[in-house]
């Protein structure tokens, strides 16, 4: 069974946010960190994994990502701070 991840990256505490979805979080976050994922995250230096959740179904993960993208910035910040109040980079803890 494969896991699907919805995640939020930040440039810094209360900085620029990016929401994404993937089935391989290690590879995808590495792409953001190494700036091989051209576009928004490399342009704005968004590479710190500050929030994520795991889903067992792709459809649920994709829908959650779409919902989060429509949330206000304040709601996203509250979601991050509920799981990660210090905004530490969670990537090293995962791998």
PDB file of N, CA and C in Angstrom:
ATOM      1  N   UNK A   1       0.834  -1.180   0.000  1.00  0.00           N
ATOM      2  CA  UNK A   1       0.000   0.000   0.000  1.00  0.00           C
ATOM      3  C   UNK A   1       0.879   1.244   0.000  1.00  0.00           C
ATOM      4  N   UNK A   2       0.522   2.210  -0.784  1.00  0.00           N
ATOM      5  CA  UNK A   2       1.305   3.426  -0.935  1.00  0.00           C
ATOM      6  C   UNK A   2       0.694   4.553  -0.101  1.00  0.00           C
ATOM      7  N   UNK A   3       1.540   5.394   0.479  1.00  0.00           N
ATOM      8  CA  UNK A   3       1.079   6.572   1.214  1.00  0.00           C
ATOM      9  C   UNK A   3       1.182   7.798   0.320  1.00  0.00           C
ATOM     10  N   UNK A   4       0.308   8.747   0.580  1.00  0.00           N
ATOM     11  CA  UNK A   4       0.283  10.021  -0.146  1.00  0.00           C
ATOM     12  C   UNK A   4       0.380  11.130   0.889  1.00  0.00           C
ATOM     13  N   UNK A   5       1.156  12.133   0.584  1.00  0.00           N
ATOM     14  CA  UNK A   5       1.451  13.198   1.533  1.00  0.00           C
ATOM     15  C   UNK A   5       0.971  14.544   1.009  1.00  0.00           C
ATOM     16  N   UNK A   6       0.310  15.280   1.875  1.00  0.00           N
ATOM     17  CA  UNK A   6      -0.003  16.683   1.624  1.00  0.00           C
ATOM     18  C   UNK A   6       0.947  17.438   2.532  1.00  0.00           C
ATOM     19  N   UNK A   7       1.589  18.466   2.004  1.00  0.00           N
ATOM     20  CA  UNK A   7       2.620  19.137   2.796  1.00  0.00           C
ATOM     21  C   UNK A   7       2.611  20.643   2.571  1.00  0.00           C
ATOM     22  N   UNK A   8       3.176  21.355   3.539  1.00  0.00           N
ATOM     23  CA  UNK A   8       3.369  22.797   3.417  1.00  0.00           C
ATOM     24  C   UNK A   8       4.841  23.086   3.662  1.00  0.00           C
ATOM     25  N   UNK A   9       5.423  23.836   2.747  1.00  0.00           N
ATOM     26  CA  UNK A   9       6.793  24.326   2.880  1.00  0.00           C
ATOM     27  C   UNK A   9       6.739  25.816   3.190  1.00  0.00           C
ATOM     28  N   UNK A  10       7.777  26.313   3.844  1.00  0.00           N
ATOM     29  CA  UNK A  10       7.873  27.746   4.142  1.00  0.00           C
ATOM     30  C   UNK A  10       9.286  28.232   3.858  1.00  0.00           C
ATOM     31  N   UNK A  11       9.392  29.505   3.526  1.00  0.00           N
ATOM     32  CA  UNK A  11      10.715  30.099   3.322  1.00  0.00           C
ATOM     33  C   UNK A  11      11.360  30.416   4.668  1.00  0.00           C
ATOM     34  N   UNK A  12      10.539  30.715   5.667  1.00  0.00           N
ATOM     35  CA  UNK A  12      10.981  31.004   7.034  1.00  0.00           C
ATOM     36  C   UNK A  12       9.725  31.073   7.901  1.00  0.00           C
ATOM     37  N   UNK A  13       9.898  31.294   9.184  1.00  0.00           N
ATOM     38  CA  UNK A  13       8.733  31.430  10.058  1.00  0.00           C
ATOM     39  C   UNK A  13       7.863  32.578   9.554  1.00  0.00           C
ATOM     40  N   UNK A  14       6.588  32.290   9.339  1.00  0.00           N
ATOM     41  CA  UNK A  14       5.633  33.272   8.807  1.00  0.00           C
ATOM     42  C   UNK A  14       6.027  33.809   7.438  1.00  0.00           C
ATOM     43  N   UNK A  15       6.880  33.077   6.721  1.00  0.00           N
ATOM     44  CA  UNK A  15       7.322  33.503   5.390  1.00  0.00           C
ATOM     45  C   UNK A  15       6.387  33.009   4.294  1.00  0.00           C
ATOM     46  N   UNK A  16       6.924  32.942   3.104  1.00  0.00           N
ATOM     47  CA  UNK A  16       6.169  32.464   1.947  1.00  0.00           C
ATOM     48  C   UNK A  16       5.838  30.990   2.129  1.00  0.00           C
ATOM     49  N   UNK A  17       4.602  30.618   1.796  1.00  0.00           N
ATOM     50  CA  UNK A  17       4.135  29.243   1.958  1.00  0.00           C
ATOM     51  C   UNK A  17       3.862  28.596   0.605  1.00  0.00           C
ATOM     52  N   UNK A  18       4.054  27.279   0.570  1.00  0.00           N
ATOM     53  CA  UNK A  18       3.748  26.482  -0.623  1.00  0.00           C
ATOM     54  C   UNK A  18       3.075  25.199  -0.164  1.00  0.00           C
ATOM     55  N   UNK A  19       1.974  24.843  -0.799  1.00  0.00           N
ATOM     56  CA  UNK A  19       1.251  23.614  -0.477  1.00  0.00           C
ATOM     57  C   UNK A  19       1.370  22.653  -1.645  1.00  0.00           C
ATOM     58  N   UNK A  20       1.672  21.386  -1.346  1.00  0.00           N
ATOM     59  CA  UNK A  20       1.816  20.392  -2.399  1.00  0.00           C
ATOM     60  C   UNK A  20       1.332  19.027  -1.967  1.00  0.00           C
ATOM     61  N   UNK A  21       1.339  18.096  -2.922  1.00  0.00           N
ATOM     62  CA  UNK A  21       0.943  16.710  -2.670  1.00  0.00           C
ATOM     63  C   UNK A  21       1.910  15.806  -3.426  1.00  0.00           C
ATOM     64  N   UNK A  22       2.240  14.650  -2.840  1.00  0.00           N
ATOM     65  CA  UNK A  22       3.176  13.727  -3.469  1.00  0.00           C
ATOM     66  C   UNK A  22       2.975  12.318  -2.926  1.00  0.00           C
ATOM     67  N   UNK A  23       3.459  11.341  -3.658  1.00  0.00           N
ATOM     68  CA  UNK A  23       3.466   9.972  -3.141  1.00  0.00           C
ATOM     69  C   UNK A  23       4.868   9.559  -2.702  1.00  0.00           C
ATOM     70  N   UNK A  24       5.830  10.462  -2.841  1.00  0.00           N
ATOM     71  CA  UNK A  24       7.209  10.201  -2.421  1.00  0.00           C
ATOM     72  C   UNK A  24       7.755  11.480  -1.781  1.00  0.00           C
ATOM     73  N   UNK A  25       7.480  11.643  -0.503  1.00  0.00           N
ATOM     74  CA  UNK A  25       7.817  12.913   0.149  1.00  0.00           C
ATOM     75  C   UNK A  25       9.321  13.156   0.220  1.00  0.00           C
ATOM     76  N   UNK A  26      10.098  12.103   0.405  1.00  0.00           N
ATOM     77  CA  UNK A  26      11.546  12.291   0.476  1.00  0.00           C
ATOM     78  C   UNK A  26      12.086  12.854  -0.839  1.00  0.00           C
ATOM     79  N   UNK A  27      11.686  12.255  -1.950  1.00  0.00           N
ATOM     80  CA  UNK A  27      12.144  12.730  -3.264  1.00  0.00           C
ATOM     81  C   UNK A  27      11.655  14.146  -3.531  1.00  0.00           C
ATOM     82  N   UNK A  28      10.374  14.389  -3.269  1.00  0.00           N
ATOM     83  CA  UNK A  28       9.792  15.688  -3.615  1.00  0.00           C
ATOM     84  C   UNK A  28      10.381  16.814  -2.785  1.00  0.00           C
ATOM     85  N   UNK A  29      10.543  16.617  -1.495  1.00  0.00           N
ATOM     86  CA  UNK A  29      11.122  17.674  -0.658  1.00  0.00           C
ATOM     87  C   UNK A  29      12.587  17.886  -1.033  1.00  0.00           C
ATOM     88  N   UNK A  30      13.295  16.811  -1.366  1.00  0.00           N
ATOM     89  CA  UNK A  30      14.683  16.954  -1.841  1.00  0.00           C
ATOM     90  C   UNK A  30      14.737  17.809  -3.094  1.00  0.00           C
ATOM     91  N   UNK A  31      13.785  17.615  -3.991  1.00  0.00           N
ATOM     92  CA  UNK A  31      13.737  18.439  -5.214  1.00  0.00           C
ATOM     93  C   UNK A  31      13.544  19.910  -4.873  1.00  0.00           C
ATOM     94  N   UNK A  32      12.663  20.191  -3.927  1.00  0.00           N
ATOM     95  CA  UNK A  32      12.453  21.583  -3.514  1.00  0.00           C
ATOM     96  C   UNK A  32      13.721  22.144  -2.863  1.00  0.00           C
ATOM     97  N   UNK A  33      14.334  21.378  -1.992  1.00  0.00           N
ATOM     98  CA  UNK A  33      15.512  21.851  -1.261  1.00  0.00           C
ATOM     99  C   UNK A  33      16.714  22.087  -2.178  1.00  0.00           C
ATOM    100  N   UNK A  34      16.857  21.217  -3.168  1.00  0.00           N
ATOM    101  CA  UNK A  34      17.991  21.333  -4.094  1.00  0.00           C
ATOM    102  C   UNK A  34      17.679  22.216  -5.297  1.00  0.00           C
ATOM    103  N   UNK A  35      16.472  22.786  -5.306  1.00  0.00           N
ATOM    104  CA  UNK A  35      16.020  23.685  -6.370  1.00  0.00           C
ATOM    105  C   UNK A  35      16.008  23.025  -7.743  1.00  0.00           C
ATOM    106  N   UNK A  36      15.800  21.706  -7.772  1.00  0.00           N
ATOM    107  CA  UNK A  36      15.633  21.032  -9.058  1.00  0.00           C
ATOM    108  C   UNK A  36      14.185  21.108  -9.511  1.00  0.00           C
ATOM    109  N   UNK A  37      13.296  21.452  -8.586  1.00  0.00           N
ATOM    110  CA  UNK A  37      11.890  21.683  -8.929  1.00  0.00           C
ATOM    111  C   UNK A  37      11.768  23.159  -9.301  1.00  0.00           C
ATOM    112  N   UNK A  38      11.918  23.456 -10.564  1.00  0.00           N
ATOM    113  CA  UNK A  38      11.878  24.847 -11.027  1.00  0.00           C
ATOM    114  C   UNK A  38      10.501  25.446 -10.780  1.00  0.00           C
ATOM    115  N   UNK A  39      10.493  26.707 -10.514  1.00  0.00           N
ATOM    116  CA  UNK A  39       9.213  27.389 -10.341  1.00  0.00           C
ATOM    117  C   UNK A  39       9.146  28.143  -9.036  1.00  0.00           C
ATOM    118  N   UNK A  40       7.960  28.136  -8.462  1.00  0.00           N
ATOM    119  CA  UNK A  40       7.652  28.954  -7.301  1.00  0.00           C
ATOM    120  C   UNK A  40       8.613  28.744  -6.140  1.00  0.00           C
ATOM    121  N   UNK A  41       8.836  27.485  -5.745  1.00  0.00           N
ATOM    122  CA  UNK A  41       9.650  27.232  -4.553  1.00  0.00           C
ATOM    123  C   UNK A  41      11.099  27.646  -4.741  1.00  0.00           C
ATOM    124  N   UNK A  42      11.659  27.426  -5.915  1.00  0.00           N
ATOM    125  CA  UNK A  42      13.048  27.834  -6.129  1.00  0.00           C
ATOM    126  C   UNK A  42      13.147  29.355  -6.272  1.00  0.00           C
ATOM    127  N   UNK A  43      12.138  29.969  -6.870  1.00  0.00           N
ATOM    128  CA  UNK A  43      12.146  31.423  -7.045  1.00  0.00           C
ATOM    129  C   UNK A  43      12.074  32.154  -5.711  1.00  0.00           C
ATOM    130  N   UNK A  44      11.300  31.613  -4.757  1.00  0.00           N
ATOM    131  CA  UNK A  44      11.091  32.297  -3.484  1.00  0.00           C
ATOM    132  C   UNK A  44      11.815  31.649  -2.306  1.00  0.00           C
ATOM    133  N   UNK A  45      12.661  30.676  -2.558  1.00  0.00           N
ATOM    134  CA  UNK A  45      13.446  30.053  -1.495  1.00  0.00           C
ATOM    135  C   UNK A  45      12.610  29.298  -0.479  1.00  0.00           C
ATOM    136  N   UNK A  46      11.564  28.650  -0.951  1.00  0.00           N
ATOM    137  CA  UNK A  46      10.652  27.921  -0.074  1.00  0.00           C
ATOM    138  C   UNK A  46      11.113  26.470  -0.012  1.00  0.00           C
ATOM    139  N   UNK A  47      11.714  26.068   1.121  1.00  0.00           N
ATOM    140  CA  UNK A  47      12.282  24.718   1.189  1.00  0.00           C
ATOM    141  C   UNK A  47      12.207  24.056   2.556  1.00  0.00           C
ATOM    142  N   UNK A  48      11.610  24.696   3.520  1.00  0.00           N
ATOM    143  CA  UNK A  48      11.529  24.159   4.873  1.00  0.00           C
ATOM    144  C   UNK A  48      10.180  23.458   5.060  1.00  0.00           C
ATOM    145  N   UNK A  49      10.207  22.154   5.310  1.00  0.00           N
ATOM    146  CA  UNK A  49       8.986  21.385   5.529  1.00  0.00           C
ATOM    147  C   UNK A  49       8.460  21.691   6.931  1.00  0.00           C
ATOM    148  N   UNK A  50       7.329  22.396   7.004  1.00  0.00           N
ATOM    149  CA  UNK A  50       6.800  22.808   8.304  1.00  0.00           C
ATOM    150  C   UNK A  50       5.524  22.079   8.705  1.00  0.00           C
ATOM    151  N   UNK A  51       4.893  21.370   7.754  1.00  0.00           N
ATOM    152  CA  UNK A  51       3.662  20.639   8.058  1.00  0.00           C
ATOM    153  C   UNK A  51       3.448  19.571   7.002  1.00  0.00           C
ATOM    154  N   UNK A  52       2.892  18.438   7.423  1.00  0.00           N
ATOM    155  CA  UNK A  52       2.495  17.409   6.459  1.00  0.00           C
ATOM    156  C   UNK A  52       1.473  16.504   7.107  1.00  0.00           C
ATOM    157  N   UNK A  53       0.730  15.792   6.280  1.00  0.00           N
ATOM    158  CA  UNK A  53      -0.143  14.743   6.762  1.00  0.00           C
ATOM    159  C   UNK A  53      -0.147  13.621   5.745  1.00  0.00           C
ATOM    160  N   UNK A  54      -0.431  12.427   6.208  1.00  0.00           N
ATOM    161  CA  UNK A  54      -0.366  11.220   5.385  1.00  0.00           C
ATOM    162  C   UNK A  54      -1.776  10.734   5.081  1.00  0.00           C
ATOM    163  N   UNK A  55      -1.980  10.331   3.832  1.00  0.00           N
ATOM    164  CA  UNK A  55      -3.258   9.771   3.394  1.00  0.00           C
ATOM    165  C   UNK A  55      -2.997   8.421   2.747  1.00  0.00           C
ATOM    166  N   UNK A  56      -3.960   7.526   2.855  1.00  0.00           N
ATOM    167  CA  UNK A  56      -3.806   6.212   2.236  1.00  0.00           C
ATOM    168  C   UNK A  56      -4.384   6.170   0.828  1.00  0.00           C
ATOM    169  N   UNK A  57      -5.143   7.189   0.451  1.00  0.00           N
ATOM    170  CA  UNK A  57      -5.738   7.237  -0.876  1.00  0.00           C
ATOM    171  C   UNK A  57      -5.334   8.503  -1.609  1.00  0.00           C
ATOM    172  N   UNK A  58      -4.957   8.347  -2.865  1.00  0.00           N
ATOM    173  CA  UNK A  58      -4.532   9.488  -3.685  1.00  0.00           C
ATOM    174  C   UNK A  58      -5.636  10.530  -3.798  1.00  0.00           C
ATOM    175  N   UNK A  59      -6.845  10.074  -4.038  1.00  0.00           N
ATOM    176  CA  UNK A  59      -7.964  11.004  -4.226  1.00  0.00           C
ATOM    177  C   UNK A  59      -8.165  11.890  -2.999  1.00  0.00           C
ATOM    178  N   UNK A  60      -8.060  11.310  -1.814  1.00  0.00           N
ATOM    179  CA  UNK A  60      -8.229  12.075  -0.567  1.00  0.00           C
ATOM    180  C   UNK A  60      -7.104  13.097  -0.404  1.00  0.00           C
ATOM    181  N   UNK A  61      -5.879  12.697  -0.728  1.00  0.00           N
ATOM    182  CA  UNK A  61      -4.738  13.611  -0.603  1.00  0.00           C
ATOM    183  C   UNK A  61      -4.866  14.777  -1.580  1.00  0.00           C
ATOM    184  N   UNK A  62      -5.241  14.486  -2.806  1.00  0.00           N
ATOM    185  CA  UNK A  62      -5.389  15.542  -3.815  1.00  0.00           C
ATOM    186  C   UNK A  62      -6.502  16.508  -3.423  1.00  0.00           C
ATOM    187  N   UNK A  63      -7.610  15.972  -2.914  1.00  0.00           N
ATOM    188  CA  UNK A  63      -8.710  16.845  -2.488  1.00  0.00           C
ATOM    189  C   UNK A  63      -8.292  17.710  -1.303  1.00  0.00           C
ATOM    190  N   UNK A  64      -7.544  17.134  -0.372  1.00  0.00           N
ATOM    191  CA  UNK A  64      -7.076  17.904   0.791  1.00  0.00           C
ATOM    192  C   UNK A  64      -6.153  19.036   0.342  1.00  0.00           C
ATOM    193  N   UNK A  65      -5.249  18.741  -0.602  1.00  0.00           N
ATOM    194  CA  UNK A  65      -4.359  19.788  -1.114  1.00  0.00           C
ATOM    195  C   UNK A  65      -5.178  20.905  -1.750  1.00  0.00           C
ATOM    196  N   UNK A  66      -6.154  20.554  -2.564  1.00  0.00           N
ATOM    197  CA  UNK A  66      -6.994  21.573  -3.211  1.00  0.00           C
ATOM    198  C   UNK A  66      -7.716  22.423  -2.175  1.00  0.00           C
ATOM    199  N   UNK A  67      -8.234  21.769  -1.129  1.00  0.00           N
ATOM    200  CA  UNK A  67      -8.916  22.513  -0.071  1.00  0.00           C
ATOM    201  C   UNK A  67      -7.962  23.475   0.630  1.00  0.00           C
ATOM    202  N   UNK A  68      -6.774  22.988   0.984  1.00  0.00           N
ATOM    203  CA  UNK A  68      -5.802  23.840   1.677  1.00  0.00           C
ATOM    204  C   UNK A  68      -5.395  25.035   0.827  1.00  0.00           C
ATOM    205  N   UNK A  69      -5.272  24.839  -0.466  1.00  0.00           N
ATOM    206  CA  UNK A  69      -4.873  25.940  -1.350  1.00  0.00           C
ATOM    207  C   UNK A  69      -5.909  27.058  -1.350  1.00  0.00           C
ATOM    208  N   UNK A  70      -7.147  26.739  -0.984  1.00  0.00           N
ATOM    209  CA  UNK A  70      -8.193  27.761  -0.911  1.00  0.00           C
ATOM    210  C   UNK A  70      -8.334  28.383   0.477  1.00  0.00           C
ATOM    211  N   UNK A  71      -7.623  27.826   1.449  1.00  0.00           N
ATOM    212  CA  UNK A  71      -7.671  28.372   2.802  1.00  0.00           C
ATOM    213  C   UNK A  71      -6.970  29.724   2.847  1.00  0.00           C
ATOM    214  N   UNK A  72      -7.355  30.542   3.798  1.00  0.00           N
ATOM    215  CA  UNK A  72      -6.659  31.808   4.016  1.00  0.00           C
ATOM    216  C   UNK A  72      -5.279  31.534   4.609  1.00  0.00           C
ATOM    217  N   UNK A  73      -4.410  32.492   4.462  1.00  0.00           N
ATOM    218  CA  UNK A  73      -3.060  32.382   5.019  1.00  0.00           C
ATOM    219  C   UNK A  73      -3.125  32.164   6.538  1.00  0.00           C
ATOM    220  N   UNK A  74      -3.999  32.878   7.206  1.00  0.00           N
ATOM    221  CA  UNK A  74      -4.134  32.758   8.664  1.00  0.00           C
ATOM    222  C   UNK A  74      -4.509  31.332   9.066  1.00  0.00           C
ATOM    223  N   UNK A  75      -5.395  30.693   8.308  1.00  0.00           N
ATOM    224  CA  UNK A  75      -5.789  29.317   8.620  1.00  0.00           C
ATOM    225  C   UNK A  75      -4.617  28.365   8.416  1.00  0.00           C
ATOM    226  N   UNK A  76      -3.831  28.593   7.364  1.00  0.00           N
ATOM    227  CA  UNK A  76      -2.668  27.731   7.119  1.00  0.00           C
ATOM    228  C   UNK A  76      -1.645  27.883   8.242  1.00  0.00           C
ATOM    229  N   UNK A  77      -1.423  29.106   8.675  1.00  0.00           N
ATOM    230  CA  UNK A  77      -0.477  29.351   9.770  1.00  0.00           C
ATOM    231  C   UNK A  77      -0.960  28.663  11.044  1.00  0.00           C
ATOM    232  N   UNK A  78      -2.256  28.742  11.332  1.00  0.00           N
ATOM    233  CA  UNK A  78      -2.808  28.067  12.514  1.00  0.00           C
ATOM    234  C   UNK A  78      -2.626  26.553  12.404  1.00  0.00           C
ATOM    235  N   UNK A  79      -2.812  25.996  11.214  1.00  0.00           N
ATOM    236  CA  UNK A  79      -2.620  24.560  10.993  1.00  0.00           C
ATOM    237  C   UNK A  79      -1.168  24.166  11.255  1.00  0.00           C
ATOM    238  N   UNK A  80      -0.242  24.963  10.728  1.00  0.00           N
ATOM    239  CA  UNK A  80       1.185  24.703  10.946  1.00  0.00           C
ATOM    240  C   UNK A  80       1.514  24.761  12.433  1.00  0.00           C
ATOM    241  N   UNK A  81       1.064  25.819  13.100  1.00  0.00           N
ATOM    242  CA  UNK A  81       1.432  26.024  14.500  1.00  0.00           C
ATOM    243  C   UNK A  81       0.787  25.007  15.440  1.00  0.00           C
ATOM    244  N   UNK A  82      -0.303  24.388  15.009  1.00  0.00           N
ATOM    245  CA  UNK A  82      -0.918  23.330  15.807  1.00  0.00           C
ATOM    246  C   UNK A  82       0.002  22.101  15.862  1.00  0.00           C
ATOM    247  N   UNK A  83       0.632  21.778  14.736  1.00  0.00           N
ATOM    248  CA  UNK A  83       1.517  20.614  14.656  1.00  0.00           C
ATOM    249  C   UNK A  83       2.966  20.972  14.988  1.00  0.00           C
ATOM    250  N   UNK A  84       3.359  22.180  14.637  1.00  0.00           N
ATOM    251  CA  UNK A  84       4.765  22.559  14.666  1.00  0.00           C
ATOM    252  C   UNK A  84       4.897  24.014  15.147  1.00  0.00           C
ATOM    253  N   UNK A  85       4.647  24.279  16.434  1.00  0.00           N
ATOM    254  CA  UNK A  85       4.625  25.663  16.930  1.00  0.00           C
ATOM    255  C   UNK A  85       5.932  26.428  16.747  1.00  0.00           C
ATOM    256  N   UNK A  86       7.051  25.730  16.690  1.00  0.00           N
ATOM    257  CA  UNK A  86       8.333  26.426  16.532  1.00  0.00           C
ATOM    258  C   UNK A  86       8.758  26.556  15.069  1.00  0.00           C
ATOM    259  N   UNK A  87       7.948  26.037  14.149  1.00  0.00           N
ATOM    260  CA  UNK A  87       8.232  26.094  12.715  1.00  0.00           C
ATOM    261  C   UNK A  87       9.570  25.430  12.382  1.00  0.00           C
ATOM    262  N   UNK A  88       9.941  24.389  13.121  1.00  0.00           N
ATOM    263  CA  UNK A  88      11.204  23.702  12.820  1.00  0.00           C
ATOM    264  C   UNK A  88      11.049  22.937  11.502  1.00  0.00           C
ATOM    265  N   UNK A  89      12.156  22.669  10.858  1.00  0.00           N
ATOM    266  CA  UNK A  89      12.162  21.912   9.619  1.00  0.00           C
ATOM    267  C   UNK A  89      11.952  20.443   9.951  1.00  0.00           C
ATOM    268  N   UNK A  90      10.860  19.864   9.497  1.00  0.00           N
ATOM    269  CA  UNK A  90      10.502  18.489   9.828  1.00  0.00           C
ATOM    270  C   UNK A  90      11.207  17.465   8.934  1.00  0.00           C
ATOM    271  N   UNK A  91      11.789  17.910   7.851  1.00  0.00           N
ATOM    272  CA  UNK A  91      12.416  16.984   6.909  1.00  0.00           C
ATOM    273  C   UNK A  91      13.492  16.105   7.554  1.00  0.00           C
ATOM    274  N   UNK A  92      14.433  16.673   8.328  1.00  0.00           N
ATOM    275  CA  UNK A  92      15.465  15.825   8.946  1.00  0.00           C
ATOM    276  C   UNK A  92      14.878  14.785   9.904  1.00  0.00           C
ATOM    277  N   UNK A  93      13.751  15.081  10.525  1.00  0.00           N
ATOM    278  CA  UNK A  93      13.130  14.133  11.446  1.00  0.00           C
ATOM    279  C   UNK A  93      12.500  12.950  10.705  1.00  0.00           C
ATOM    280  N   UNK A  94      12.081  13.180   9.472  1.00  0.00           N
ATOM    281  CA  UNK A  94      11.456  12.116   8.686  1.00  0.00           C
ATOM    282  C   UNK A  94      12.503  11.143   8.140  1.00  0.00           C
ATOM    283  N   UNK A  95      13.699  11.655   7.842  1.00  0.00           N
ATOM    284  CA  UNK A  95      14.700  10.811   7.165  1.00  0.00           C
ATOM    285  C   UNK A  95      16.044  10.912   7.832  1.00  0.00           C
TER     286      UNK A  95
END
